[in-house]
Amino acid sequence: MTRSRQGLAGVLALFAVLQGCASYEGAPNPAWFPAATTAADRRTPGRVALVVLPQVQASVSAVGKLLKLQIGAIAERATRTALGDGLEGGVQQVYGTLPPTGGHSATLVIDAVRFQHQERTVWYVWVPPLSQLMRYEASTRLAFDVTLFDAQGALVWTRTYDDDAGRLVWTTPSADSTPLPEDIGRVAHESAWRLAQRISHDLREWMHTERMRPRSL
């Protein structure tokens, strides 16, 4: 066997092993979110209620023929983790309806979550007589629609947070290929974490401004 064919056989064998090892089923994986990053003395005073609408919690995005990504649950877990990291009083998870006023500095509602996944061929190599190698790139886009209410239940803002930085590159002999499900899951978690960090930053900034606002006596 020539070196080129030996190398190709190695790629094919590795691809088969990796496909066989894929066990990710699309559920949230807390290990893919970073450990606490905010020092205790830099956390924002206050406690926030996080409301996840039922349709958001149940939101699933299909990627290829095998993966059903639980994108709503991933978004919820990322947001809850980021808020809990940045707030002294932590975050209370609420499902379905707004909590009664009192006991919270604010209420954040996740109104909708959207996930898109696209693939393109980067290059193609024909290895005669019957073999080939394909290089693919996948890009992802994740968006959260969120609404913030103050402690009295008044609307503060409604915003969309969007992240299109997710990228994957892989090489395979298959002309009909999808990335490993676990790799797509990891990229989705990374995007969700970036969005959750932005949401947490904006919410904490608003809480700080609200706390510094002069009050009439």
Protein backbone atom coordinates (compact mmCIF):
# COMPACT_ATOMS: atom_id res chain seq x y z
CA MET A 1 0.00 0.00 0.00
CA THR A 2 1.39 3.42 -0.97
CA ARG A 3 1.80 6.19 1.58
CA SER A 4 -1.04 8.21 0.07
CA ARG A 5 -3.39 5.27 0.34
CA GLN A 6 -2.19 4.53 3.85
CA GLY A 7 -2.95 8.12 4.81
CA LEU A 8 -6.39 7.92 3.25
CA ALA A 9 -7.12 4.66 5.05
CA GLY A 10 -6.12 6.32 8.31
CA VAL A 11 -8.52 9.21 7.70
CA LEU A 12 -11.34 6.79 6.88
CA ALA A 13 -10.65 4.76 10.01
CA LEU A 14 -10.53 7.84 12.20
CA PHE A 15 -13.79 9.10 10.74
CA ALA A 16 -15.47 5.77 11.48
CA VAL A 17 -14.22 5.79 15.06
CA LEU A 18 -15.40 9.36 15.63
CA GLN A 19 -18.83 8.63 14.21
CA GLY A 20 -19.13 5.64 16.49
CA CYS A 21 -18.18 7.71 19.55
CA ALA A 22 -20.82 10.40 19.01
CA SER A 23 -23.27 10.09 21.89
CA TYR A 24 -24.55 13.64 22.38
CA GLU A 25 -28.36 13.78 22.20
CA GLY A 26 -28.96 17.52 22.16
CA ALA A 27 -29.61 18.17 25.87
CA PRO A 28 -27.94 20.97 27.88
CA ASN A 29 -24.45 20.11 29.11
CA PRO A 30 -23.44 22.34 32.07
CA ALA A 31 -19.80 21.26 31.62
CA TRP A 32 -19.67 23.32 28.41
CA PHE A 33 -20.37 26.53 30.33
CA PRO A 34 -17.39 28.14 32.10
CA ALA A 35 -17.04 28.05 35.85
CA ALA A 36 -17.93 31.19 37.83
CA THR A 37 -16.02 34.17 36.43
CA THR A 38 -17.26 37.06 38.59
CA ALA A 39 -15.46 37.69 41.87
CA ALA A 40 -17.77 37.80 44.89
CA ASP A 41 -16.96 41.46 45.61
CA ARG A 42 -17.84 42.47 42.03
CA ARG A 43 -21.27 40.88 41.86
CA THR A 44 -24.27 43.16 41.45
CA PRO A 45 -26.60 43.45 44.47
CA GLY A 46 -30.06 42.11 43.84
CA ARG A 47 -32.03 39.06 42.78
CA VAL A 48 -33.66 38.42 39.40
CA ALA A 49 -36.53 36.19 38.35
CA LEU A 50 -35.94 34.34 35.07
CA VAL A 51 -39.13 33.41 33.22
CA VAL A 52 -38.93 30.81 30.46
CA LEU A 53 -42.06 30.56 28.33
CA PRO A 54 -43.26 26.96 27.75
CA GLN A 55 -42.75 27.15 23.98
CA VAL A 56 -39.20 28.34 24.55
CA GLN A 57 -38.38 25.60 27.05
CA ALA A 58 -39.69 22.99 24.57
CA SER A 59 -37.96 24.52 21.52
CA VAL A 60 -35.97 21.93 19.53
CA SER A 61 -33.85 22.57 16.42
CA ALA A 62 -33.17 19.72 13.99
CA VAL A 63 -29.62 19.53 12.60
CA GLY A 64 -29.19 16.95 9.86
CA LYS A 65 -30.99 13.63 10.19
CA LEU A 66 -29.72 12.62 13.63
CA LEU A 67 -29.55 15.59 15.99
CA LYS A 68 -32.49 17.22 17.77
CA LEU A 69 -30.87 20.12 19.58
CA GLN A 70 -32.78 21.20 22.71
CA ILE A 71 -31.96 24.82 21.99
CA GLY A 72 -34.58 26.30 24.32
CA ALA A 73 -33.29 24.37 27.32
CA ILE A 74 -29.70 25.26 26.40
CA ALA A 75 -30.61 28.97 26.22
CA GLU A 76 -32.37 28.79 29.58
CA ARG A 77 -29.45 27.02 31.26
CA ALA A 78 -26.88 29.45 29.84
CA THR A 79 -28.88 32.51 30.90
CA ARG A 80 -29.57 31.15 34.37
CA THR A 81 -25.89 30.29 34.84
CA ALA A 82 -24.67 33.73 33.66
CA LEU A 83 -27.16 35.62 35.84
CA GLY A 84 -26.38 33.48 38.85
CA ASP A 85 -22.70 34.18 38.37
CA GLY A 86 -23.13 37.96 38.28
CA LEU A 87 -25.77 38.64 40.95
CA GLU A 88 -25.35 38.63 44.72
CA GLY A 89 -28.88 37.33 45.27
CA GLY A 90 -28.78 34.89 42.38
CA VAL A 91 -31.62 34.04 40.04
CA GLN A 92 -34.97 32.32 40.59
CA GLN A 93 -36.22 30.10 37.77
CA VAL A 94 -39.90 30.64 36.93
CA TYR A 95 -41.86 28.76 34.29
CA GLY A 96 -44.81 30.08 32.33
CA THR A 97 -46.03 33.24 34.12
CA LEU A 98 -44.54 36.36 35.67
CA PRO A 99 -43.90 36.06 39.41
CA PRO A 100 -45.76 38.35 41.82
CA THR A 101 -43.98 41.63 42.46
CA GLY A 102 -41.77 41.82 45.50
CA GLY A 103 -38.56 40.05 46.36
CA HIS A 104 -36.93 40.59 42.95
CA SER A 105 -34.97 43.51 41.58
CA ALA A 106 -36.18 42.64 38.06
CA THR A 107 -37.77 39.92 35.95
CA LEU A 108 -36.17 38.71 32.72
CA VAL A 109 -38.32 36.80 30.22
CA ILE A 110 -36.92 34.66 27.42
CA ASP A 111 -39.59 35.19 24.75
CA ALA A 112 -38.09 33.22 21.86
CA VAL A 113 -34.98 31.35 20.74
CA ARG A 114 -33.88 30.74 17.14
CA PHE A 115 -31.03 28.54 15.87
CA GLN A 116 -29.76 28.22 12.29
CA HIS A 117 -27.12 25.87 10.92
CA GLN A 118 -25.59 26.07 7.44
CA GLU A 119 -22.86 24.06 5.71
CA ARG A 120 -20.67 24.62 2.68
CA THR A 121 -17.95 22.67 0.88
CA VAL A 122 -14.51 24.26 1.30
CA TRP A 123 -12.59 21.91 -0.98
CA TYR A 124 -12.79 18.51 -2.66
CA VAL A 125 -9.95 16.11 -3.50
CA TRP A 126 -10.35 13.08 -5.74
CA VAL A 127 -8.03 10.20 -4.80
CA PRO A 128 -8.11 7.66 -7.66
CA PRO A 129 -9.44 5.23 -8.38
CA LEU A 130 -12.51 5.30 -6.06
CA SER A 131 -11.75 7.57 -3.10
CA GLN A 132 -12.34 11.19 -2.21
CA LEU A 133 -11.89 13.68 0.61
CA MET A 134 -14.21 16.60 1.34
CA ARG A 135 -13.52 19.61 3.58
CA TYR A 136 -16.66 21.24 4.99
CA GLU A 137 -17.39 24.32 7.06
CA ALA A 138 -20.49 24.80 9.18
CA SER A 139 -21.70 28.15 10.50
CA THR A 140 -24.35 28.68 13.15
CA ARG A 141 -26.53 31.59 14.20
CA LEU A 142 -28.32 31.79 17.55
CA ALA A 143 -30.71 34.53 18.68
CA PHE A 144 -32.56 35.23 21.93
CA ASP A 145 -35.56 37.56 22.24
CA VAL A 146 -35.77 38.79 25.84
CA THR A 147 -37.89 41.26 27.82
CA LEU A 148 -36.93 42.96 31.07
CA PHE A 149 -39.42 44.17 33.70
CA ASP A 150 -38.58 46.20 36.78
CA ALA A 151 -39.44 45.28 40.37
CA GLN A 152 -42.97 46.70 39.95
CA GLY A 153 -43.63 44.78 36.74
CA ALA A 154 -43.20 47.76 34.41
CA LEU A 155 -41.58 47.17 31.02
CA VAL A 156 -37.93 48.25 30.86
CA TRP A 157 -36.92 46.97 27.41
CA THR A 158 -37.38 44.24 24.83
CA ARG A 159 -34.26 43.22 22.89
CA THR A 160 -32.90 40.65 20.49
CA TYR A 161 -29.40 39.25 21.11
CA ASP A 162 -27.77 37.60 18.12
CA ASP A 163 -24.59 35.53 17.74
CA ASP A 164 -23.29 34.26 14.39
CA ALA A 165 -19.73 33.37 15.47
CA GLY A 166 -20.20 29.60 15.62
CA ARG A 167 -17.86 27.76 13.21
CA LEU A 168 -16.85 24.15 12.58
CA VAL A 169 -14.44 22.73 9.97
CA TRP A 170 -14.01 19.00 9.31
CA THR A 171 -12.72 16.59 6.65
CA THR A 172 -14.53 13.42 5.60
CA PRO A 173 -14.79 11.02 2.65
CA SER A 174 -18.56 11.47 2.61
CA ALA A 175 -20.34 13.63 0.02
CA ASP A 176 -23.38 13.83 2.34
CA SER A 177 -21.91 14.85 5.66
CA THR A 178 -23.05 16.53 8.86
CA PRO A 179 -20.71 17.46 11.72
CA LEU A 180 -20.58 15.22 14.74
CA PRO A 181 -23.65 15.94 16.90
CA GLU A 182 -21.47 16.62 19.93
CA ASP A 183 -19.50 19.26 18.02
CA ILE A 184 -22.69 21.06 16.98
CA GLY A 185 -23.90 20.88 20.59
CA ARG A 186 -20.66 22.40 21.87
CA VAL A 187 -20.81 25.26 19.35
CA ALA A 188 -24.44 25.95 20.30
CA HIS A 189 -23.51 26.04 23.99
CA GLU A 190 -20.65 28.47 23.27
CA SER A 191 -23.01 30.78 21.35
CA ALA A 192 -25.64 30.56 24.10
CA TRP A 193 -23.01 31.46 26.68
CA ARG A 194 -21.84 34.49 24.71
CA LEU A 195 -25.42 35.74 24.43
CA ALA A 196 -26.14 35.05 28.09
CA GLN A 197 -23.06 37.04 29.10
CA ARG A 198 -24.25 40.01 27.04
CA ILE A 199 -27.71 39.81 28.57
CA SER A 200 -26.25 39.59 32.07
CA HIS A 201 -23.99 42.59 31.40
CA ASP A 202 -26.87 44.76 30.14
CA LEU A 203 -29.18 43.71 32.98
CA ARG A 204 -26.55 44.40 35.64
CA GLU A 205 -25.74 47.75 34.07
CA TRP A 206 -29.43 48.68 34.20
CA MET A 207 -29.67 47.53 37.83
CA HIS A 208 -26.66 49.67 38.73
CA THR A 209 -28.15 52.74 37.01
CA GLU A 210 -31.50 52.13 38.68
CA ARG A 211 -29.87 51.84 42.09
CA MET A 212 -27.99 55.12 41.58
CA ARG A 213 -31.07 57.00 40.32
CA PRO A 214 -32.17 59.74 42.76
CA ARG A 215 -35.39 58.91 44.60
CA SER A 216 -37.97 61.50 45.56
CA LEU A 217 -38.49 61.71 49.34
